[in-house]
Amino acid sequence: APTRAHYEVELADGALYVGSPQTVARKIARTARDLRLSRFDLKYDIMHLPRQARARTIELLGSEVAPRVRELLSDEPARVRPGTAPK
């Protein structure tokens, strides 16, 4: 069964992207940089949330998280381009 310690590890450096728009953007940017990604697809499960909260989450991803990720990565050279392998 999942433990609090496992949750904390996933929250810090794992697959959980939880927190403020700034926190989530920093983690996405760090992941993209560390893994030399040119694309990041986020799959999430928010169906247990009320409709208004789901709508707000999607709104924040588009209006705050995505622009902040682009800003954080704007000074990074494009390391990987579609159809090419990293060096």
C-alpha atoms as a PDB file:
ATOM      1  CA  ALA A   1       0.000   0.000   0.000  1.00  0.00           C
ATOM      2  CA  PRO A   2       1.208   3.543  -0.689  1.00  0.00           C
ATOM      3  CA  THR A   3       2.824   5.294   2.248  1.00  0.00           C
ATOM      4  CA  ARG A   4       3.305   8.932   3.160  1.00  0.00           C
ATOM      5  CA  ALA A   5       7.039   8.518   2.467  1.00  0.00           C
ATOM      6  CA  HIS A   6       6.306   7.199  -1.035  1.00  0.00           C
ATOM      7  CA  TYR A   7       3.972  10.146  -1.636  1.00  0.00           C
ATOM      8  CA  GLU A   8       6.668  12.599  -0.522  1.00  0.00           C
ATOM      9  CA  VAL A   9       9.237  11.044  -2.888  1.00  0.00           C
ATOM     10  CA  GLU A  10       6.817  11.178  -5.823  1.00  0.00           C
ATOM     11  CA  LEU A  11       5.903  14.744  -4.940  1.00  0.00           C
ATOM     12  CA  ALA A  12       9.531  15.892  -4.791  1.00  0.00           C
ATOM     13  CA  ASP A  13      11.165  14.095  -7.715  1.00  0.00           C
ATOM     14  CA  GLY A  14       8.608  11.606  -8.963  1.00  0.00           C
ATOM     15  CA  ALA A  15       5.586  11.553 -11.198  1.00  0.00           C
ATOM     16  CA  LEU A  16       3.273  13.711  -9.065  1.00  0.00           C
ATOM     17  CA  TYR A  17       2.836  17.298 -10.239  1.00  0.00           C
ATOM     18  CA  VAL A  18       0.981  18.874  -7.331  1.00  0.00           C
ATOM     19  CA  GLY A  19       1.004  22.410  -5.992  1.00  0.00           C
ATOM     20  CA  SER A  20       0.731  25.995  -7.072  1.00  0.00           C
ATOM     21  CA  PRO A  21       1.065  26.893 -10.760  1.00  0.00           C
ATOM     22  CA  GLN A  22       4.612  28.083 -10.013  1.00  0.00           C
ATOM     23  CA  THR A  23       5.530  24.813  -8.282  1.00  0.00           C
ATOM     24  CA  VAL A  24       4.117  22.681 -11.088  1.00  0.00           C
ATOM     25  CA  ALA A  25       5.780  24.837 -13.768  1.00  0.00           C
ATOM     26  CA  ARG A  26       9.174  24.576 -12.053  1.00  0.00           C
ATOM     27  CA  LYS A  27       8.877  20.790 -11.822  1.00  0.00           C
ATOM     28  CA  ILE A  28       7.810  20.435 -15.463  1.00  0.00           C
ATOM     29  CA  ALA A  29      10.680  22.685 -16.584  1.00  0.00           C
ATOM     30  CA  ARG A  30      13.173  20.770 -14.431  1.00  0.00           C
ATOM     31  CA  THR A  31      11.931  17.454 -15.819  1.00  0.00           C
ATOM     32  CA  ALA A  32      12.096  18.733 -19.405  1.00  0.00           C
ATOM     33  CA  ARG A  33      15.613  20.062 -18.849  1.00  0.00           C
ATOM     34  CA  ASP A  34      16.917  16.983 -17.025  1.00  0.00           C
ATOM     35  CA  LEU A  35      15.478  14.526 -19.537  1.00  0.00           C
ATOM     36  CA  ARG A  36      16.268  16.727 -22.536  1.00  0.00           C
ATOM     37  CA  LEU A  37      12.662  16.734 -23.650  1.00  0.00           C
ATOM     38  CA  SER A  38      11.251  18.664 -26.547  1.00  0.00           C
ATOM     39  CA  ARG A  39       7.703  17.768 -25.536  1.00  0.00           C
ATOM     40  CA  PHE A  40       5.930  17.141 -22.254  1.00  0.00           C
ATOM     41  CA  ASP A  41       2.527  15.456 -22.198  1.00  0.00           C
ATOM     42  CA  LEU A  42       0.722  15.656 -18.888  1.00  0.00           C
ATOM     43  CA  LYS A  43      -1.967  13.107 -18.146  1.00  0.00           C
ATOM     44  CA  TYR A  44      -3.934  13.798 -15.048  1.00  0.00           C
ATOM     45  CA  ASP A  45      -6.884  12.456 -13.108  1.00  0.00           C
ATOM     46  CA  ILE A  46      -9.086  15.126 -11.617  1.00  0.00           C
ATOM     47  CA  MET A  47     -12.448  13.434 -12.057  1.00  0.00           C
ATOM     48  CA  HIS A  48     -12.980  13.222  -8.305  1.00  0.00           C
ATOM     49  CA  LEU A  49     -12.977  17.034  -8.139  1.00  0.00           C
ATOM     50  CA  PRO A  50     -16.141  19.089  -8.519  1.00  0.00           C
ATOM     51  CA  ARG A  51     -16.741  20.474 -12.026  1.00  0.00           C
ATOM     52  CA  GLN A  52     -15.682  24.030 -11.102  1.00  0.00           C
ATOM     53  CA  ALA A  53     -12.402  22.810  -9.622  1.00  0.00           C
ATOM     54  CA  ARG A  54     -11.671  20.732 -12.741  1.00  0.00           C
ATOM     55  CA  ALA A  55     -12.341  23.737 -14.955  1.00  0.00           C
ATOM     56  CA  ARG A  56     -10.079  25.916 -12.797  1.00  0.00           C
ATOM     57  CA  THR A  57      -7.279  23.336 -12.942  1.00  0.00           C
ATOM     58  CA  ILE A  58      -7.417  23.225 -16.739  1.00  0.00           C
ATOM     59  CA  GLU A  59      -7.558  27.024 -16.881  1.00  0.00           C
ATOM     60  CA  LEU A  60      -4.461  27.330 -14.666  1.00  0.00           C
ATOM     61  CA  LEU A  61      -2.527  24.833 -16.775  1.00  0.00           C
ATOM     62  CA  GLY A  62      -3.124  26.932 -19.865  1.00  0.00           C
ATOM     63  CA  SER A  63      -2.972  30.431 -18.429  1.00  0.00           C
ATOM     64  CA  GLU A  64      -0.221  30.154 -15.804  1.00  0.00           C
ATOM     65  CA  VAL A  65       1.657  26.854 -15.909  1.00  0.00           C
ATOM     66  CA  ALA A  66       2.362  26.547 -19.654  1.00  0.00           C
ATOM     67  CA  PRO A  67       3.509  30.172 -20.102  1.00  0.00           C
ATOM     68  CA  ARG A  68       5.764  29.885 -17.045  1.00  0.00           C
ATOM     69  CA  VAL A  69       7.313  26.654 -18.335  1.00  0.00           C
ATOM     70  CA  ARG A  70       8.030  28.325 -21.682  1.00  0.00           C
ATOM     71  CA  GLU A  71       9.578  31.258 -19.823  1.00  0.00           C
ATOM     72  CA  LEU A  72      11.728  29.006 -17.640  1.00  0.00           C
ATOM     73  CA  LEU A  73      12.986  27.111 -20.685  1.00  0.00           C
ATOM     74  CA  SER A  74      13.364  30.107 -22.997  1.00  0.00           C
ATOM     75  CA  ASP A  75      17.092  30.381 -22.356  1.00  0.00           C
ATOM     76  CA  GLU A  76      17.645  26.664 -22.952  1.00  0.00           C
ATOM     77  CA  PRO A  77      18.968  25.612 -26.337  1.00  0.00           C
ATOM     78  CA  ALA A  78      16.669  23.220 -28.142  1.00  0.00           C
ATOM     79  CA  ARG A  79      18.513  20.005 -27.359  1.00  0.00           C
ATOM     80  CA  VAL A  80      16.111  17.589 -28.911  1.00  0.00           C
ATOM     81  CA  ARG A  81      14.064  18.240 -31.997  1.00  0.00           C
ATOM     82  CA  PRO A  82      11.307  15.988 -33.305  1.00  0.00           C
ATOM     83  CA  GLY A  83      12.791  13.200 -35.381  1.00  0.00           C
ATOM     84  CA  THR A  84      16.302  13.508 -33.939  1.00  0.00           C
ATOM     85  CA  ALA A  85      18.135  11.745 -31.168  1.00  0.00           C
ATOM     86  CA  PRO A  86      19.905  13.618 -28.356  1.00  0.00           C
ATOM     87  CA  LYS A  87      23.683  13.841 -28.618  1.00  0.00           C
END
